[in-house]
Amino acid sequence: MLLPPWSAGPVPLPDHARGSVTDRILIHRLRQVHRCLGRPMVLIWDNLSSHRSRRMRLFADRSNWLPLVSLPPYAPDLNPVEGSWAHLKNGAVAKPRGPNGR
């Protein structure tokens, strides 16, 4: 779901893709969201390779409704989820224990 600040409620989005999300999938989804909202969007993205691809840059350059803002390579203050990923990568989820506690 997407909850734009000007809407009266959430905008339903299609299920997310399973597996790796490519730039082609992202472009397809961005077009879907744009059709649902019917207005320009500002996209703030981290440095995932599919976010920085040539295809994605060309798509954004040709879409006057989609300005892109890129976050610095590591910006936990601007992207709070970074801290969550670090916690998950180094925590119990990353090192599951078997039934014997090992």
N, C-alpha and C. Protein backbone atom coordinates (compact mmCIF):
# COMPACT_ATOMS: atom_id res chain seq x y z
N MET A 1 0.83 -1.18 0.00
CA MET A 1 0.00 0.00 0.00
C MET A 1 0.87 1.24 0.00
N LEU A 2 0.36 2.26 -0.60
CA LEU A 2 1.03 3.55 -0.65
C LEU A 2 0.06 4.56 -0.07
N LEU A 3 0.53 5.39 0.82
CA LEU A 3 -0.34 6.38 1.44
C LEU A 3 0.18 7.78 1.14
N PRO A 4 -0.27 8.35 0.02
CA PRO A 4 0.17 9.71 -0.29
C PRO A 4 -0.42 10.70 0.71
N PRO A 5 0.31 11.76 1.03
CA PRO A 5 -0.15 12.70 2.06
C PRO A 5 -1.44 13.43 1.68
N TRP A 6 -1.76 13.55 0.41
CA TRP A 6 -2.95 14.29 -0.01
C TRP A 6 -4.17 13.40 -0.19
N SER A 7 -4.02 12.08 -0.02
CA SER A 7 -5.14 11.19 -0.32
C SER A 7 -6.00 10.94 0.92
N ALA A 8 -7.19 10.49 0.66
CA ALA A 8 -8.11 10.16 1.75
C ALA A 8 -7.86 8.76 2.28
N GLY A 9 -7.07 8.00 1.59
CA GLY A 9 -6.80 6.63 2.02
C GLY A 9 -5.69 6.01 1.21
N PRO A 10 -5.34 4.77 1.53
CA PRO A 10 -4.24 4.11 0.83
C PRO A 10 -4.57 3.81 -0.63
N VAL A 11 -3.55 3.80 -1.44
CA VAL A 11 -3.67 3.42 -2.84
C VAL A 11 -3.23 1.97 -2.95
N PRO A 12 -4.11 1.07 -3.40
CA PRO A 12 -3.70 -0.34 -3.50
C PRO A 12 -2.66 -0.53 -4.58
N LEU A 13 -1.63 -1.26 -4.26
CA LEU A 13 -0.58 -1.58 -5.21
C LEU A 13 -0.56 -3.08 -5.43
N PRO A 14 -0.08 -3.52 -6.59
CA PRO A 14 -0.01 -4.96 -6.84
C PRO A 14 1.00 -5.62 -5.92
N ASP A 15 0.87 -6.93 -5.75
CA ASP A 15 1.82 -7.68 -4.94
C ASP A 15 3.24 -7.42 -5.42
N HIS A 16 4.17 -7.46 -4.48
CA HIS A 16 5.56 -7.24 -4.87
C HIS A 16 6.10 -8.46 -5.59
N ALA A 17 7.14 -8.24 -6.36
CA ALA A 17 7.76 -9.31 -7.13
C ALA A 17 8.55 -10.23 -6.20
N ARG A 18 8.56 -11.48 -6.53
CA ARG A 18 9.37 -12.44 -5.77
C ARG A 18 10.77 -12.47 -6.37
N GLY A 19 11.76 -12.67 -5.51
CA GLY A 19 13.13 -12.73 -5.98
C GLY A 19 13.72 -11.34 -6.16
N SER A 20 14.74 -11.27 -6.98
CA SER A 20 15.40 -9.99 -7.23
C SER A 20 14.48 -9.05 -7.98
N VAL A 21 14.50 -7.80 -7.57
CA VAL A 21 13.70 -6.78 -8.26
C VAL A 21 14.62 -6.05 -9.22
N THR A 22 14.32 -6.19 -10.50
CA THR A 22 15.16 -5.58 -11.53
C THR A 22 14.65 -4.18 -11.87
N ASP A 23 15.45 -3.47 -12.63
CA ASP A 23 15.02 -2.14 -13.06
C ASP A 23 13.77 -2.23 -13.93
N ARG A 24 13.61 -3.28 -14.70
CA ARG A 24 12.41 -3.45 -15.53
C ARG A 24 11.16 -3.56 -14.65
N ILE A 25 11.26 -4.34 -13.58
CA ILE A 25 10.14 -4.49 -12.65
C ILE A 25 9.84 -3.15 -11.98
N LEU A 26 10.87 -2.44 -11.55
CA LEU A 26 10.68 -1.15 -10.90
C LEU A 26 10.00 -0.14 -11.83
N ILE A 27 10.42 -0.10 -13.07
CA ILE A 27 9.83 0.82 -14.03
C ILE A 27 8.36 0.48 -14.24
N HIS A 28 8.06 -0.80 -14.37
CA HIS A 28 6.68 -1.23 -14.53
C HIS A 28 5.83 -0.80 -13.33
N ARG A 29 6.35 -1.01 -12.11
CA ARG A 29 5.61 -0.64 -10.90
C ARG A 29 5.45 0.88 -10.77
N LEU A 30 6.48 1.62 -11.13
CA LEU A 30 6.37 3.08 -11.06
C LEU A 30 5.29 3.60 -11.99
N ARG A 31 5.20 3.00 -13.18
CA ARG A 31 4.12 3.39 -14.10
C ARG A 31 2.76 3.07 -13.50
N GLN A 32 2.64 1.92 -12.84
CA GLN A 32 1.37 1.55 -12.20
C GLN A 32 0.99 2.55 -11.11
N VAL A 33 1.96 2.89 -10.27
CA VAL A 33 1.70 3.84 -9.18
C VAL A 33 1.30 5.20 -9.76
N HIS A 34 2.00 5.63 -10.78
CA HIS A 34 1.69 6.92 -11.40
C HIS A 34 0.27 6.93 -11.95
N ARG A 35 -0.14 5.83 -12.59
CA ARG A 35 -1.53 5.74 -13.09
C ARG A 35 -2.53 5.80 -11.94
N CYS A 36 -2.22 5.12 -10.81
CA CYS A 36 -3.13 5.14 -9.66
C CYS A 36 -3.24 6.53 -9.06
N LEU A 37 -2.12 7.21 -8.93
CA LEU A 37 -2.12 8.52 -8.28
C LEU A 37 -2.57 9.63 -9.21
N GLY A 38 -2.20 9.52 -10.48
CA GLY A 38 -2.58 10.54 -11.44
C GLY A 38 -1.89 11.87 -11.24
N ARG A 39 -0.74 11.86 -10.61
CA ARG A 39 0.01 13.10 -10.40
C ARG A 39 1.50 12.79 -10.28
N PRO A 40 2.34 13.82 -10.34
CA PRO A 40 3.79 13.59 -10.23
C PRO A 40 4.18 12.99 -8.88
N MET A 41 5.33 12.34 -8.87
CA MET A 41 5.90 11.77 -7.65
C MET A 41 7.35 12.22 -7.56
N VAL A 42 7.88 12.24 -6.36
CA VAL A 42 9.31 12.41 -6.15
C VAL A 42 9.81 11.11 -5.57
N LEU A 43 10.81 10.55 -6.18
CA LEU A 43 11.33 9.26 -5.75
C LEU A 43 12.68 9.44 -5.06
N ILE A 44 12.76 9.02 -3.82
CA ILE A 44 14.01 9.11 -3.05
C ILE A 44 14.50 7.69 -2.88
N TRP A 45 15.68 7.41 -3.46
CA TRP A 45 16.18 6.04 -3.48
C TRP A 45 17.59 5.93 -2.93
N ASP A 46 17.86 4.73 -2.42
CA ASP A 46 19.22 4.42 -1.99
C ASP A 46 20.03 3.99 -3.21
N ASN A 47 21.14 3.33 -3.00
CA ASN A 47 22.05 3.02 -4.09
C ASN A 47 21.99 1.58 -4.58
N LEU A 48 20.83 0.96 -4.48
CA LEU A 48 20.65 -0.38 -5.03
C LEU A 48 20.95 -0.32 -6.52
N SER A 49 21.61 -1.34 -7.05
CA SER A 49 22.04 -1.30 -8.45
C SER A 49 20.87 -1.09 -9.41
N SER A 50 19.71 -1.68 -9.14
CA SER A 50 18.57 -1.47 -10.04
C SER A 50 18.03 -0.05 -9.97
N HIS A 51 18.32 0.66 -8.89
CA HIS A 51 17.92 2.06 -8.78
C HIS A 51 18.84 2.96 -9.59
N ARG A 52 20.08 2.53 -9.78
CA ARG A 52 21.08 3.37 -10.44
C ARG A 52 21.36 2.96 -11.89
N SER A 53 20.62 2.01 -12.41
CA SER A 53 20.91 1.49 -13.74
C SER A 53 20.70 2.54 -14.82
N ARG A 54 21.32 2.31 -15.94
CA ARG A 54 21.18 3.21 -17.09
C ARG A 54 19.72 3.27 -17.53
N ARG A 55 19.07 2.11 -17.57
CA ARG A 55 17.67 2.05 -17.98
C ARG A 55 16.79 2.90 -17.06
N MET A 56 17.04 2.81 -15.74
CA MET A 56 16.25 3.59 -14.78
C MET A 56 16.49 5.08 -14.95
N ARG A 57 17.75 5.48 -15.14
CA ARG A 57 18.05 6.90 -15.34
C ARG A 57 17.37 7.44 -16.61
N LEU A 58 17.42 6.65 -17.69
CA LEU A 58 16.77 7.07 -18.94
C LEU A 58 15.25 7.19 -18.74
N PHE A 59 14.67 6.23 -18.05
CA PHE A 59 13.24 6.26 -17.78
C PHE A 59 12.88 7.53 -16.99
N ALA A 60 13.62 7.81 -15.94
CA ALA A 60 13.33 8.99 -15.11
C ALA A 60 13.54 10.27 -15.89
N ASP A 61 14.59 10.32 -16.71
CA ASP A 61 14.85 11.52 -17.51
C ASP A 61 13.72 11.79 -18.51
N ARG A 62 13.12 10.73 -19.01
CA ARG A 62 12.03 10.88 -20.00
C ARG A 62 10.67 11.08 -19.35
N SER A 63 10.58 10.86 -18.06
CA SER A 63 9.31 10.97 -17.35
C SER A 63 9.29 12.29 -16.58
N ASN A 64 8.61 13.28 -17.11
CA ASN A 64 8.59 14.58 -16.45
C ASN A 64 7.84 14.56 -15.12
N TRP A 65 7.21 13.47 -14.80
CA TRP A 65 6.45 13.32 -13.55
C TRP A 65 7.27 12.62 -12.47
N LEU A 66 8.54 12.30 -12.75
CA LEU A 66 9.31 11.50 -11.80
C LEU A 66 10.72 12.04 -11.57
N PRO A 67 10.88 13.07 -10.75
CA PRO A 67 12.25 13.47 -10.39
C PRO A 67 12.84 12.48 -9.39
N LEU A 68 14.10 12.14 -9.58
CA LEU A 68 14.80 11.21 -8.69
C LEU A 68 15.72 11.97 -7.74
N VAL A 69 15.75 11.54 -6.51
CA VAL A 69 16.68 12.06 -5.52
C VAL A 69 17.43 10.85 -4.99
N SER A 70 18.75 10.86 -5.10
CA SER A 70 19.55 9.73 -4.64
C SER A 70 20.17 10.03 -3.29
N LEU A 71 20.09 9.06 -2.41
CA LEU A 71 20.73 9.18 -1.10
C LEU A 71 22.23 8.92 -1.26
N PRO A 72 23.05 9.44 -0.38
CA PRO A 72 24.47 9.10 -0.38
C PRO A 72 24.65 7.60 -0.16
N PRO A 73 25.83 7.05 -0.48
CA PRO A 73 26.03 5.60 -0.36
C PRO A 73 25.65 5.02 1.00
N TYR A 74 25.98 5.66 2.08
CA TYR A 74 25.56 5.18 3.40
C TYR A 74 25.06 6.38 4.17
N ALA A 75 23.75 6.42 4.40
CA ALA A 75 23.15 7.59 5.03
C ALA A 75 22.11 7.16 6.06
N PRO A 76 22.55 6.60 7.20
CA PRO A 76 21.57 6.13 8.18
C PRO A 76 20.67 7.24 8.73
N ASP A 77 21.16 8.47 8.74
CA ASP A 77 20.33 9.58 9.22
C ASP A 77 19.21 9.91 8.22
N LEU A 78 19.48 9.70 6.95
CA LEU A 78 18.49 9.99 5.91
C LEU A 78 17.64 8.76 5.58
N ASN A 79 18.16 7.59 5.88
CA ASN A 79 17.49 6.34 5.54
C ASN A 79 17.49 5.45 6.78
N PRO A 80 16.55 5.64 7.69
CA PRO A 80 16.56 4.92 8.97
C PRO A 80 16.53 3.40 8.85
N VAL A 81 16.07 2.88 7.73
CA VAL A 81 16.02 1.42 7.59
C VAL A 81 17.43 0.82 7.57
N GLU A 82 18.45 1.63 7.25
CA GLU A 82 19.83 1.13 7.26
C GLU A 82 20.19 0.51 8.61
N GLY A 83 19.79 1.17 9.69
CA GLY A 83 20.08 0.63 11.01
C GLY A 83 19.37 -0.68 11.26
N SER A 84 18.17 -0.82 10.74
CA SER A 84 17.43 -2.08 10.89
C SER A 84 18.12 -3.20 10.14
N TRP A 85 18.58 -2.92 8.93
CA TRP A 85 19.28 -3.95 8.16
C TRP A 85 20.54 -4.39 8.89
N ALA A 86 21.28 -3.43 9.40
CA ALA A 86 22.51 -3.78 10.13
C ALA A 86 22.18 -4.66 11.33
N HIS A 87 21.10 -4.32 12.05
CA HIS A 87 20.69 -5.11 13.21
C HIS A 87 20.31 -6.53 12.78
N LEU A 88 19.57 -6.66 11.71
CA LEU A 88 19.16 -7.98 11.24
C LEU A 88 20.35 -8.81 10.74
N LYS A 89 21.26 -8.16 10.01
CA LYS A 89 22.40 -8.87 9.46
C LYS A 89 23.32 -9.41 10.55
N ASN A 90 23.41 -8.70 11.66
CA ASN A 90 24.34 -9.09 12.72
C ASN A 90 23.65 -9.75 13.91
N GLY A 91 22.34 -9.82 13.90
CA GLY A 91 21.60 -10.34 15.05
C GLY A 91 21.21 -11.80 14.91
N ALA A 92 20.22 -12.16 15.69
CA ALA A 92 19.77 -13.56 15.75
C ALA A 92 19.22 -14.04 14.43
N VAL A 93 18.66 -13.17 13.64
CA VAL A 93 18.10 -13.60 12.35
C VAL A 93 19.22 -14.07 11.43
N ALA A 94 20.37 -13.41 11.50
CA ALA A 94 21.49 -13.76 10.64
C ALA A 94 22.18 -15.04 11.11
N LYS A 95 22.08 -15.34 12.38
CA LYS A 95 22.75 -16.52 12.95
C LYS A 95 21.75 -17.39 13.69
N PRO A 96 20.83 -18.01 12.94
CA PRO A 96 19.83 -18.83 13.63
C PRO A 96 20.49 -20.01 14.33
N ARG A 97 19.92 -20.37 15.44
CA ARG A 97 20.42 -21.50 16.23
C ARG A 97 19.52 -22.70 16.04
N GLY A 98 20.13 -23.85 16.06
CA GLY A 98 19.37 -25.10 15.94
C GLY A 98 18.71 -25.46 17.26
N PRO A 99 18.05 -26.61 17.30
CA PRO A 99 17.32 -27.03 18.51
C PRO A 99 18.25 -27.24 19.71
N ASN A 100 19.55 -27.46 19.47
CA ASN A 100 20.50 -27.65 20.57
C ASN A 100 21.13 -26.34 21.02
N GLY A 101 20.67 -25.22 20.47
CA GLY A 101 21.22 -23.92 20.85
C GLY A 101 22.52 -23.61 20.17
N ARG A 102 22.86 -24.35 19.13
CA ARG A 102 24.13 -24.13 18.41
C ARG A 102 23.88 -23.51 17.06
